[in-house]
Amino acid sequence: MARQLHQLSHRSRGPFVAVNCAAIVESLLEAELFGIEDRTATGVRGRRGKFEHADGGTLFLDEVSDLAPAAQAKLLRAIQELTVERVGGHAVRKVDTRIVVATNRSLQELVSGGQFREDLFYRLSGVELHVPPLRARRQDIPDLCAYFLSRYQTPRPVTLSPEAAQAMQLYDWPGNVRELENLVERLVILNRTDVIGVDDLPRNLRTPATDLAAAVASDAPADGIDLPATLARIEVVLIERAMRAANGNKTRAAELLGLSRTTLFDKLKRAGIEAGE
């Protein structure tokens, strides 16, 4: 999403620079962001930081909640004044950089707990976009699977069987789109045929779709079964099918499911499914 914001803006011809704040050692983070002067320490060569690399474009700070307090203070100053000062230097350099940040933790809660600067929080929260987890937008899963299959396919095209596609939609994807992408890439690499079947999927994806009947029929399933969670996932899939069959019309979908319109509306809301009238 950060890259799309960049590409659709007037800065699209400028650089897009992404930094994962959680992946950089704290002692090196300031040098990565703001640069370092030549000979600041023995054997150190001067270099520009990410702010300067993103001059005229967009700097994307992923996992910004993991920034150390010292880096937070410097980031606040850089954003307010649009200037950077390299580590070991005194010269102030002007930059024209748009900042986009992302976090999977509530910055407001971190502010309340004293783990994130309040002034930096308010400086960053000009426009806030919430990206729902993949489990709350299951209707996107088929399109995402098709995209990743085309992206990682070998010279021969690879597709998902209907059963495998259904299993993909039943799964909750705690790792969101990254987890889905990594799985599709692995399936394409390991699969020896043109069709990825449900048996090719990891067991944690196959259980809701293919092992439910066997688990219920068994007196004591070896792995056990979380019946409420499984039924909830099946319910979401059936509701989505009914909504597609009704072209998004909730009244018609409720009739197909044998539910009242109010009950269906409540279930759609809990499942995070957007719908028409």
C-alpha atoms as a PDB file:
ATOM      1  CA  MET A   1       0.000   0.000   0.000  1.00  0.00           C
ATOM      2  CA  ALA A   2       2.874   2.380   0.770  1.00  0.00           C
ATOM      3  CA  ARG A   3       4.334   1.762  -2.676  1.00  0.00           C
ATOM      4  CA  GLN A   4       0.953   2.345  -4.301  1.00  0.00           C
ATOM      5  CA  LEU A   5       0.565   5.636  -2.441  1.00  0.00           C
ATOM      6  CA  HIS A   6       3.941   6.638  -3.833  1.00  0.00           C
ATOM      7  CA  GLN A   7       3.167   5.551  -7.396  1.00  0.00           C
ATOM      8  CA  LEU A   8      -0.162   7.390  -7.458  1.00  0.00           C
ATOM      9  CA  SER A   9       1.294  10.633  -6.094  1.00  0.00           C
ATOM     10  CA  HIS A  10       3.115  13.517  -7.719  1.00  0.00           C
ATOM     11  CA  ARG A  11       6.306  12.026  -6.267  1.00  0.00           C
ATOM     12  CA  SER A  12       6.078   8.881  -8.408  1.00  0.00           C
ATOM     13  CA  ARG A  13       9.135   9.877 -10.445  1.00  0.00           C
ATOM     14  CA  GLY A  14      11.177  10.202  -7.273  1.00  0.00           C
ATOM     15  CA  PRO A  15      12.716   7.344  -5.280  1.00  0.00           C
ATOM     16  CA  PHE A  16      10.746   4.989  -3.044  1.00  0.00           C
ATOM     17  CA  VAL A  17      12.923   3.903  -0.105  1.00  0.00           C
ATOM     18  CA  ALA A  18      11.689   1.294   2.378  1.00  0.00           C
ATOM     19  CA  VAL A  19      13.217   0.646   5.806  1.00  0.00           C
ATOM     20  CA  ASN A  20      12.224  -2.117   8.212  1.00  0.00           C
ATOM     21  CA  CYS A  21      12.920  -0.511  11.577  1.00  0.00           C
ATOM     22  CA  ALA A  22      12.692  -3.859  13.375  1.00  0.00           C
ATOM     23  CA  ALA A  23      15.341  -5.487  11.170  1.00  0.00           C
ATOM     24  CA  ILE A  24      18.163  -2.989  11.847  1.00  0.00           C
ATOM     25  CA  VAL A  25      20.357  -3.196  14.923  1.00  0.00           C
ATOM     26  CA  GLU A  26      19.585  -0.265  17.231  1.00  0.00           C
ATOM     27  CA  SER A  27      23.185   0.972  17.233  1.00  0.00           C
ATOM     28  CA  LEU A  28      23.148   1.221  13.429  1.00  0.00           C
ATOM     29  CA  LEU A  29      19.645   2.618  12.952  1.00  0.00           C
ATOM     30  CA  GLU A  30      20.569   6.308  13.193  1.00  0.00           C
ATOM     31  CA  ALA A  31      23.351   5.882  10.635  1.00  0.00           C
ATOM     32  CA  GLU A  32      20.950   4.037   8.326  1.00  0.00           C
ATOM     33  CA  LEU A  33      18.297   6.743   8.556  1.00  0.00           C
ATOM     34  CA  PHE A  34      20.407   9.898   8.721  1.00  0.00           C
ATOM     35  CA  GLY A  35      23.778   8.829   7.287  1.00  0.00           C
ATOM     36  CA  ILE A  36      27.274   8.948   8.761  1.00  0.00           C
ATOM     37  CA  GLU A  37      30.270  11.185   8.142  1.00  0.00           C
ATOM     38  CA  ASP A  38      33.555   9.898   6.774  1.00  0.00           C
ATOM     39  CA  ARG A  39      36.045   8.693   9.407  1.00  0.00           C
ATOM     40  CA  THR A  40      33.588   9.009  12.264  1.00  0.00           C
ATOM     41  CA  ALA A  41      35.223   5.820  13.518  1.00  0.00           C
ATOM     42  CA  THR A  42      38.176   3.760  12.357  1.00  0.00           C
ATOM     43  CA  GLY A  43      37.483   2.232   8.939  1.00  0.00           C
ATOM     44  CA  VAL A  44      34.105   3.961   8.571  1.00  0.00           C
ATOM     45  CA  ARG A  45      33.375   5.549   5.219  1.00  0.00           C
ATOM     46  CA  GLY A  46      30.844   8.332   4.953  1.00  0.00           C
ATOM     47  CA  ARG A  47      27.507   7.612   3.324  1.00  0.00           C
ATOM     48  CA  ARG A  48      24.065   9.085   2.882  1.00  0.00           C
ATOM     49  CA  GLY A  49      21.189   7.865   4.999  1.00  0.00           C
ATOM     50  CA  LYS A  50      17.746   6.742   3.861  1.00  0.00           C
ATOM     51  CA  PHE A  51      16.335  10.261   4.278  1.00  0.00           C
ATOM     52  CA  GLU A  52      18.772  11.622   1.727  1.00  0.00           C
ATOM     53  CA  HIS A  53      18.269   8.638  -0.602  1.00  0.00           C
ATOM     54  CA  ALA A  54      14.520   9.349  -0.538  1.00  0.00           C
ATOM     55  CA  ASP A  55      14.944  13.070  -1.294  1.00  0.00           C
ATOM     56  CA  GLY A  56      12.218  14.067  -3.734  1.00  0.00           C
ATOM     57  CA  GLY A  57      10.316  10.840  -3.124  1.00  0.00           C
ATOM     58  CA  THR A  58       8.874   8.702  -0.346  1.00  0.00           C
ATOM     59  CA  LEU A  59      10.499   7.156   2.717  1.00  0.00           C
ATOM     60  CA  PHE A  60       8.541   4.170   4.058  1.00  0.00           C
ATOM     61  CA  LEU A  61       9.283   3.228   7.670  1.00  0.00           C
ATOM     62  CA  ASP A  62       7.861  -0.221   8.392  1.00  0.00           C
ATOM     63  CA  GLU A  63       7.406  -1.348  12.024  1.00  0.00           C
ATOM     64  CA  VAL A  64       7.990   2.230  13.207  1.00  0.00           C
ATOM     65  CA  SER A  65       6.837   1.209  16.702  1.00  0.00           C
ATOM     66  CA  ASP A  66      10.178  -0.581  17.176  1.00  0.00           C
ATOM     67  CA  LEU A  67      12.238   2.616  16.977  1.00  0.00           C
ATOM     68  CA  ALA A  68      14.425   3.288  20.028  1.00  0.00           C
ATOM     69  CA  PRO A  69      13.720   6.485  22.027  1.00  0.00           C
ATOM     70  CA  ALA A  70      16.848   8.224  20.705  1.00  0.00           C
ATOM     71  CA  ALA A  71      15.899   7.449  17.108  1.00  0.00           C
ATOM     72  CA  GLN A  72      12.338   8.645  17.782  1.00  0.00           C
ATOM     73  CA  ALA A  73      13.673  12.026  18.916  1.00  0.00           C
ATOM     74  CA  LYS A  74      15.841  12.411  15.815  1.00  0.00           C
ATOM     75  CA  LEU A  75      13.005  11.292  13.560  1.00  0.00           C
ATOM     76  CA  LEU A  76      10.702  13.907  15.078  1.00  0.00           C
ATOM     77  CA  ARG A  77      13.237  16.645  14.407  1.00  0.00           C
ATOM     78  CA  ALA A  78      13.840  15.462  10.841  1.00  0.00           C
ATOM     79  CA  ILE A  79      10.100  15.439  10.073  1.00  0.00           C
ATOM     80  CA  GLN A  80       9.443  18.831  11.667  1.00  0.00           C
ATOM     81  CA  GLU A  81      12.369  20.643  10.097  1.00  0.00           C
ATOM     82  CA  LEU A  82      12.884  18.516   6.972  1.00  0.00           C
ATOM     83  CA  THR A  83      16.595  18.438   7.735  1.00  0.00           C
ATOM     84  CA  VAL A  84      19.021  15.673   8.718  1.00  0.00           C
ATOM     85  CA  GLU A  85      22.340  15.659  10.483  1.00  0.00           C
ATOM     86  CA  ARG A  86      24.636  12.734   9.785  1.00  0.00           C
ATOM     87  CA  VAL A  87      26.128  10.755  12.659  1.00  0.00           C
ATOM     88  CA  GLY A  88      29.467  12.302  13.575  1.00  0.00           C
ATOM     89  CA  GLY A  89      28.753  15.492  11.652  1.00  0.00           C
ATOM     90  CA  HIS A  90      27.475  18.995  12.301  1.00  0.00           C
ATOM     91  CA  ALA A  91      26.266  20.080   8.874  1.00  0.00           C
ATOM     92  CA  VAL A  92      22.491  20.260   8.447  1.00  0.00           C
ATOM     93  CA  ARG A  93      21.175  18.955   5.139  1.00  0.00           C
ATOM     94  CA  LYS A  94      17.791  19.918   3.748  1.00  0.00           C
ATOM     95  CA  VAL A  95      15.618  17.085   2.427  1.00  0.00           C
ATOM     96  CA  ASP A  96      12.266  16.957   0.644  1.00  0.00           C
ATOM     97  CA  THR A  97      10.946  13.588   1.736  1.00  0.00           C
ATOM     98  CA  ARG A  98       7.394  12.390   2.295  1.00  0.00           C
ATOM     99  CA  ILE A  99       7.102   9.981   5.251  1.00  0.00           C
ATOM    100  CA  VAL A 100       4.827   6.937   5.255  1.00  0.00           C
ATOM    101  CA  VAL A 101       4.941   4.652   8.289  1.00  0.00           C
ATOM    102  CA  ALA A 102       3.366   1.309   9.141  1.00  0.00           C
ATOM    103  CA  THR A 103       2.888  -0.622  12.362  1.00  0.00           C
ATOM    104  CA  ASN A 104       1.047  -3.735  13.494  1.00  0.00           C
ATOM    105  CA  ARG A 105       0.752  -2.367  17.029  1.00  0.00           C
ATOM    106  CA  SER A 106      -1.376   0.488  18.318  1.00  0.00           C
ATOM    107  CA  LEU A 107       0.846   3.559  18.590  1.00  0.00           C
ATOM    108  CA  GLN A 108      -1.740   5.206  20.825  1.00  0.00           C
ATOM    109  CA  GLU A 109      -1.477   2.337  23.312  1.00  0.00           C
ATOM    110  CA  LEU A 110       2.332   2.543  23.163  1.00  0.00           C
ATOM    111  CA  VAL A 111       2.103   6.281  23.880  1.00  0.00           C
ATOM    112  CA  SER A 112      -0.092   5.561  26.898  1.00  0.00           C
ATOM    113  CA  GLY A 113       2.461   3.028  28.113  1.00  0.00           C
ATOM    114  CA  GLY A 114       5.367   5.447  27.683  1.00  0.00           C
ATOM    115  CA  GLN A 115       6.976   3.390  24.894  1.00  0.00           C
ATOM    116  CA  PHE A 116       6.427   5.870  22.080  1.00  0.00           C
ATOM    117  CA  ARG A 117       6.802   9.643  22.018  1.00  0.00           C
ATOM    118  CA  GLU A 118       3.466  11.436  22.100  1.00  0.00           C
ATOM    119  CA  ASP A 119       4.698  14.358  19.991  1.00  0.00           C
ATOM    120  CA  LEU A 120       6.026  11.974  17.331  1.00  0.00           C
ATOM    121  CA  PHE A 121       2.739  10.063  17.329  1.00  0.00           C
ATOM    122  CA  TYR A 122       0.746  13.219  16.603  1.00  0.00           C
ATOM    123  CA  ARG A 123       3.283  14.273  13.966  1.00  0.00           C
ATOM    124  CA  LEU A 124       2.919  10.954  12.151  1.00  0.00           C
ATOM    125  CA  SER A 125      -0.851  10.535  12.405  1.00  0.00           C
ATOM    126  CA  GLY A 126      -1.892  13.055   9.784  1.00  0.00           C
ATOM    127  CA  VAL A 127      -3.749  10.531   7.610  1.00  0.00           C
ATOM    128  CA  GLU A 128      -4.351   7.059   9.015  1.00  0.00           C
ATOM    129  CA  LEU A 129      -5.246   4.039   6.872  1.00  0.00           C
ATOM    130  CA  HIS A 130      -6.390   0.784   8.438  1.00  0.00           C
ATOM    131  CA  VAL A 131      -5.670  -2.384   6.451  1.00  0.00           C
ATOM    132  CA  PRO A 132      -7.911  -5.228   7.708  1.00  0.00           C
ATOM    133  CA  PRO A 133      -6.306  -8.647   8.256  1.00  0.00           C
ATOM    134  CA  LEU A 134      -6.718 -11.117   5.423  1.00  0.00           C
ATOM    135  CA  ARG A 135      -9.212 -13.202   7.428  1.00  0.00           C
ATOM    136  CA  ALA A 136     -11.551 -10.172   7.400  1.00  0.00           C
ATOM    137  CA  ARG A 137     -11.447  -9.885   3.597  1.00  0.00           C
ATOM    138  CA  ARG A 138     -11.508 -13.481   2.434  1.00  0.00           C
ATOM    139  CA  GLN A 139     -13.015 -12.385  -0.877  1.00  0.00           C
ATOM    140  CA  ASP A 140      -9.524 -11.140  -1.809  1.00  0.00           C
ATOM    141  CA  ILE A 141      -7.890 -14.567  -1.377  1.00  0.00           C
ATOM    142  CA  PRO A 142      -8.736 -16.008  -4.852  1.00  0.00           C
ATOM    143  CA  ASP A 143      -7.391 -12.912  -6.615  1.00  0.00           C
ATOM    144  CA  LEU A 144      -4.254 -12.902  -4.468  1.00  0.00           C
ATOM    145  CA  CYS A 145      -3.674 -16.608  -5.145  1.00  0.00           C
ATOM    146  CA  ALA A 146      -4.058 -16.058  -8.895  1.00  0.00           C
ATOM    147  CA  TYR A 147      -1.622 -13.131  -8.773  1.00  0.00           C
ATOM    148  CA  PHE A 148       1.046 -15.037  -6.831  1.00  0.00           C
ATOM    149  CA  LEU A 149       0.615 -18.142  -8.991  1.00  0.00           C
ATOM    150  CA  SER A 150       1.326 -16.066 -12.107  1.00  0.00           C
ATOM    151  CA  ARG A 151       4.218 -14.326 -10.379  1.00  0.00           C
ATOM    152  CA  TYR A 152       6.043 -17.481  -9.287  1.00  0.00           C
ATOM    153  CA  GLN A 153       4.997 -19.977 -11.934  1.00  0.00           C
ATOM    154  CA  THR A 154       7.553 -21.914 -13.942  1.00  0.00           C
ATOM    155  CA  PRO A 155       7.339 -21.977 -17.762  1.00  0.00           C
ATOM    156  CA  ARG A 156       4.216 -24.139 -17.355  1.00  0.00           C
ATOM    157  CA  PRO A 157       1.097 -22.536 -15.842  1.00  0.00           C
ATOM    158  CA  VAL A 158       0.069 -23.809 -12.404  1.00  0.00           C
ATOM    159  CA  THR A 159      -3.461 -23.581 -11.004  1.00  0.00           C
ATOM    160  CA  LEU A 160      -5.289 -24.462  -7.784  1.00  0.00           C
ATOM    161  CA  SER A 161      -7.870 -27.228  -7.696  1.00  0.00           C
ATOM    162  CA  PRO A 162     -11.344 -26.127  -6.489  1.00  0.00           C
ATOM    163  CA  GLU A 163     -10.796 -28.051  -3.236  1.00  0.00           C
ATOM    164  CA  ALA A 164      -7.426 -26.389  -2.629  1.00  0.00           C
ATOM    165  CA  ALA A 165      -8.908 -22.966  -3.398  1.00  0.00           C
ATOM    166  CA  GLN A 166     -11.694 -23.623  -0.898  1.00  0.00           C
ATOM    167  CA  ALA A 167      -9.174 -24.655   1.763  1.00  0.00           C
ATOM    168  CA  MET A 168      -7.293 -21.404   1.153  1.00  0.00           C
ATOM    169  CA  GLN A 169     -10.462 -19.435   1.875  1.00  0.00           C
ATOM    170  CA  LEU A 170     -11.238 -21.407   5.032  1.00  0.00           C
ATOM    171  CA  TYR A 171      -7.843 -20.721   6.595  1.00  0.00           C
ATOM    172  CA  ASP A 172      -7.423 -17.690   8.911  1.00  0.00           C
ATOM    173  CA  TRP A 173      -3.972 -16.550   7.642  1.00  0.00           C
ATOM    174  CA  PRO A 174      -2.423 -15.205  10.860  1.00  0.00           C
ATOM    175  CA  GLY A 175       0.567 -14.094   8.765  1.00  0.00           C
ATOM    176  CA  ASN A 176      -1.741 -12.245   6.346  1.00  0.00           C
ATOM    177  CA  VAL A 177      -0.691 -11.649   2.733  1.00  0.00           C
ATOM    178  CA  ARG A 178       2.986 -12.408   3.380  1.00  0.00           C
ATOM    179  CA  GLU A 179       2.057 -15.878   4.631  1.00  0.00           C
ATOM    180  CA  LEU A 180      -0.145 -16.472   1.586  1.00  0.00           C
ATOM    181  CA  GLU A 181       2.582 -15.335  -0.807  1.00  0.00           C
ATOM    182  CA  ASN A 182       5.248 -17.519   0.806  1.00  0.00           C
ATOM    183  CA  LEU A 183       2.960 -20.547   0.715  1.00  0.00           C
ATOM    184  CA  VAL A 184       2.043 -20.101  -2.957  1.00  0.00           C
ATOM    185  CA  GLU A 185       5.712 -19.709  -3.873  1.00  0.00           C
ATOM    186  CA  ARG A 186       6.569 -22.916  -2.006  1.00  0.00           C
ATOM    187  CA  LEU A 187       3.690 -24.826  -3.608  1.00  0.00           C
ATOM    188  CA  VAL A 188       4.742 -23.761  -7.104  1.00  0.00           C
ATOM    189  CA  ILE A 189       8.351 -24.809  -6.464  1.00  0.00           C
ATOM    190  CA  LEU A 190       7.503 -28.210  -4.950  1.00  0.00           C
ATOM    191  CA  ASN A 191       4.525 -29.182  -7.099  1.00  0.00           C
ATOM    192  CA  ARG A 192       5.288 -31.609  -9.938  1.00  0.00           C
ATOM    193  CA  THR A 193       2.002 -31.230 -11.802  1.00  0.00           C
ATOM    194  CA  ASP A 194       0.025 -28.388 -13.357  1.00  0.00           C
ATOM    195  CA  VAL A 195      -2.612 -28.447 -10.619  1.00  0.00           C
ATOM    196  CA  ILE A 196      -2.054 -27.911  -6.896  1.00  0.00           C
ATOM    197  CA  GLY A 197      -4.414 -30.244  -5.068  1.00  0.00           C
ATOM    198  CA  VAL A 198      -5.651 -30.122  -1.519  1.00  0.00           C
ATOM    199  CA  ASP A 199      -3.236 -32.938  -0.587  1.00  0.00           C
ATOM    200  CA  ASP A 200      -0.339 -30.646  -1.563  1.00  0.00           C
ATOM    201  CA  LEU A 201      -1.320 -28.107   1.105  1.00  0.00           C
ATOM    202  CA  PRO A 202       0.141 -28.073   4.636  1.00  0.00           C
ATOM    203  CA  ARG A 203      -1.960 -29.955   7.152  1.00  0.00           C
ATOM    204  CA  ASN A 204      -3.035 -26.794   8.980  1.00  0.00           C
ATOM    205  CA  LEU A 205      -4.776 -25.691   5.764  1.00  0.00           C
ATOM    206  CA  ARG A 206      -6.178 -29.099   4.882  1.00  0.00           C
ATOM    207  CA  THR A 207      -7.887 -29.782   8.220  1.00  0.00           C
ATOM    208  CA  PRO A 208     -10.924 -27.512   7.831  1.00  0.00           C
ATOM    209  CA  ALA A 209     -11.543 -28.465   4.212  1.00  0.00           C
ATOM    210  CA  THR A 210     -10.771 -32.156   3.963  1.00  0.00           C
ATOM    211  CA  ASP A 211     -10.269 -33.714   7.369  1.00  0.00           C
ATOM    212  CA  LEU A 212     -13.437 -32.465   9.064  1.00  0.00           C
ATOM    213  CA  ALA A 213     -15.562 -35.513   8.285  1.00  0.00           C
ATOM    214  CA  ALA A 214     -12.799 -37.900   9.314  1.00  0.00           C
ATOM    215  CA  ALA A 215     -12.185 -35.985  12.533  1.00  0.00           C
ATOM    216  CA  VAL A 216     -15.869 -35.979  13.457  1.00  0.00           C
ATOM    217  CA  ALA A 217     -16.280 -39.661  12.595  1.00  0.00           C
ATOM    218  CA  SER A 218     -13.291 -40.667  14.723  1.00  0.00           C
ATOM    219  CA  ASP A 219     -13.900 -41.470  18.370  1.00  0.00           C
ATOM    220  CA  ALA A 220     -10.724 -39.671  19.422  1.00  0.00           C
ATOM    221  CA  PRO A 221      -9.047 -37.584  16.677  1.00  0.00           C
ATOM    222  CA  ALA A 222      -5.297 -37.695  17.080  1.00  0.00           C
ATOM    223  CA  ASP A 223      -4.883 -33.965  16.541  1.00  0.00           C
ATOM    224  CA  GLY A 224      -8.177 -32.944  18.093  1.00  0.00           C
ATOM    225  CA  ILE A 225     -10.558 -30.507  16.458  1.00  0.00           C
ATOM    226  CA  ASP A 226     -11.603 -26.998  17.411  1.00  0.00           C
ATOM    227  CA  LEU A 227     -15.264 -27.393  16.481  1.00  0.00           C
ATOM    228  CA  PRO A 228     -16.432 -23.789  17.124  1.00  0.00           C
ATOM    229  CA  ALA A 229     -13.564 -22.324  15.088  1.00  0.00           C
ATOM    230  CA  THR A 230     -14.038 -24.830  12.270  1.00  0.00           C
ATOM    231  CA  LEU A 231     -17.776 -24.223  12.073  1.00  0.00           C
ATOM    232  CA  ALA A 232     -17.183 -20.474  12.124  1.00  0.00           C
ATOM    233  CA  ARG A 233     -14.835 -20.730   9.134  1.00  0.00           C
ATOM    234  CA  ILE A 234     -17.292 -22.926   7.234  1.00  0.00           C
ATOM    235  CA  GLU A 235     -20.075 -20.452   8.013  1.00  0.00           C
ATOM    236  CA  VAL A 236     -18.041 -17.582   6.558  1.00  0.00           C
ATOM    237  CA  VAL A 237     -17.416 -19.516   3.334  1.00  0.00           C
ATOM    238  CA  LEU A 238     -21.121 -20.370   2.949  1.00  0.00           C
ATOM    239  CA  ILE A 239     -22.129 -16.756   3.600  1.00  0.00           C
ATOM    240  CA  GLU A 240     -19.615 -15.516   1.008  1.00  0.00           C
ATOM    241  CA  ARG A 241     -20.966 -18.019  -1.543  1.00  0.00           C
ATOM    242  CA  ALA A 242     -24.521 -16.888  -0.883  1.00  0.00           C
ATOM    243  CA  MET A 243     -23.521 -13.231  -1.225  1.00  0.00           C
ATOM    244  CA  ARG A 244     -21.821 -13.934  -4.555  1.00  0.00           C
ATOM    245  CA  ALA A 245     -24.834 -15.909  -5.770  1.00  0.00           C
ATOM    246  CA  ALA A 246     -27.083 -12.994  -4.764  1.00  0.00           C
ATOM    247  CA  ASN A 247     -24.747 -10.423  -6.374  1.00  0.00           C
ATOM    248  CA  GLY A 248     -24.279  -8.748  -3.007  1.00  0.00           C
ATOM    249  CA  ASN A 249     -27.985  -8.443  -2.210  1.00  0.00           C
ATOM    250  CA  LYS A 250     -28.346  -9.196   1.501  1.00  0.00           C
ATOM    251  CA  THR A 251     -32.078  -9.863   1.357  1.00  0.00           C
ATOM    252  CA  ARG A 252     -31.652 -12.489  -1.362  1.00  0.00           C
ATOM    253  CA  ALA A 253     -28.576 -13.984   0.345  1.00  0.00           C
ATOM    254  CA  ALA A 254     -30.506 -14.288   3.611  1.00  0.00           C
ATOM    255  CA  GLU A 255     -33.238 -16.189   1.762  1.00  0.00           C
ATOM    256  CA  LEU A 256     -30.680 -18.572   0.272  1.00  0.00           C
ATOM    257  CA  LEU A 257     -29.235 -19.235   3.734  1.00  0.00           C
ATOM    258  CA  GLY A 258     -32.588 -19.494   5.501  1.00  0.00           C
ATOM    259  CA  LEU A 259     -31.757 -16.549   7.752  1.00  0.00           C
ATOM    260  CA  SER A 260     -33.438 -13.277   8.557  1.00  0.00           C
ATOM    261  CA  ARG A 261     -31.860 -10.174   6.996  1.00  0.00           C
ATOM    262  CA  THR A 262     -30.939  -8.856  10.467  1.00  0.00           C
ATOM    263  CA  THR A 263     -29.205 -12.113  11.438  1.00  0.00           C
ATOM    264  CA  LEU A 264     -27.254 -12.150   8.186  1.00  0.00           C
ATOM    265  CA  PHE A 265     -26.248  -8.513   8.653  1.00  0.00           C
ATOM    266  CA  ASP A 266     -24.872  -9.318  12.132  1.00  0.00           C
ATOM    267  CA  LYS A 267     -22.906 -12.288  10.791  1.00  0.00           C
ATOM    268  CA  LEU A 268     -21.498 -10.203   7.917  1.00  0.00           C
ATOM    269  CA  LYS A 269     -20.387  -7.545  10.375  1.00  0.00           C
ATOM    270  CA  ARG A 270     -18.675 -10.069  12.673  1.00  0.00           C
ATOM    271  CA  ALA A 271     -16.913 -11.688   9.736  1.00  0.00           C
ATOM    272  CA  GLY A 272     -15.794  -8.336   8.326  1.00  0.00           C
ATOM    273  CA  ILE A 273     -17.492  -8.971   4.961  1.00  0.00           C
ATOM    274  CA  GLU A 274     -18.556  -5.926   2.995  1.00  0.00           C
ATOM    275  CA  ALA A 275     -21.816  -6.203   1.135  1.00  0.00           C
ATOM    276  CA  GLY A 276     -24.389  -4.293  -0.844  1.00  0.00           C
ATOM    277  CA  GLU A 277     -28.016  -3.791   0.037  1.00  0.00           C
END
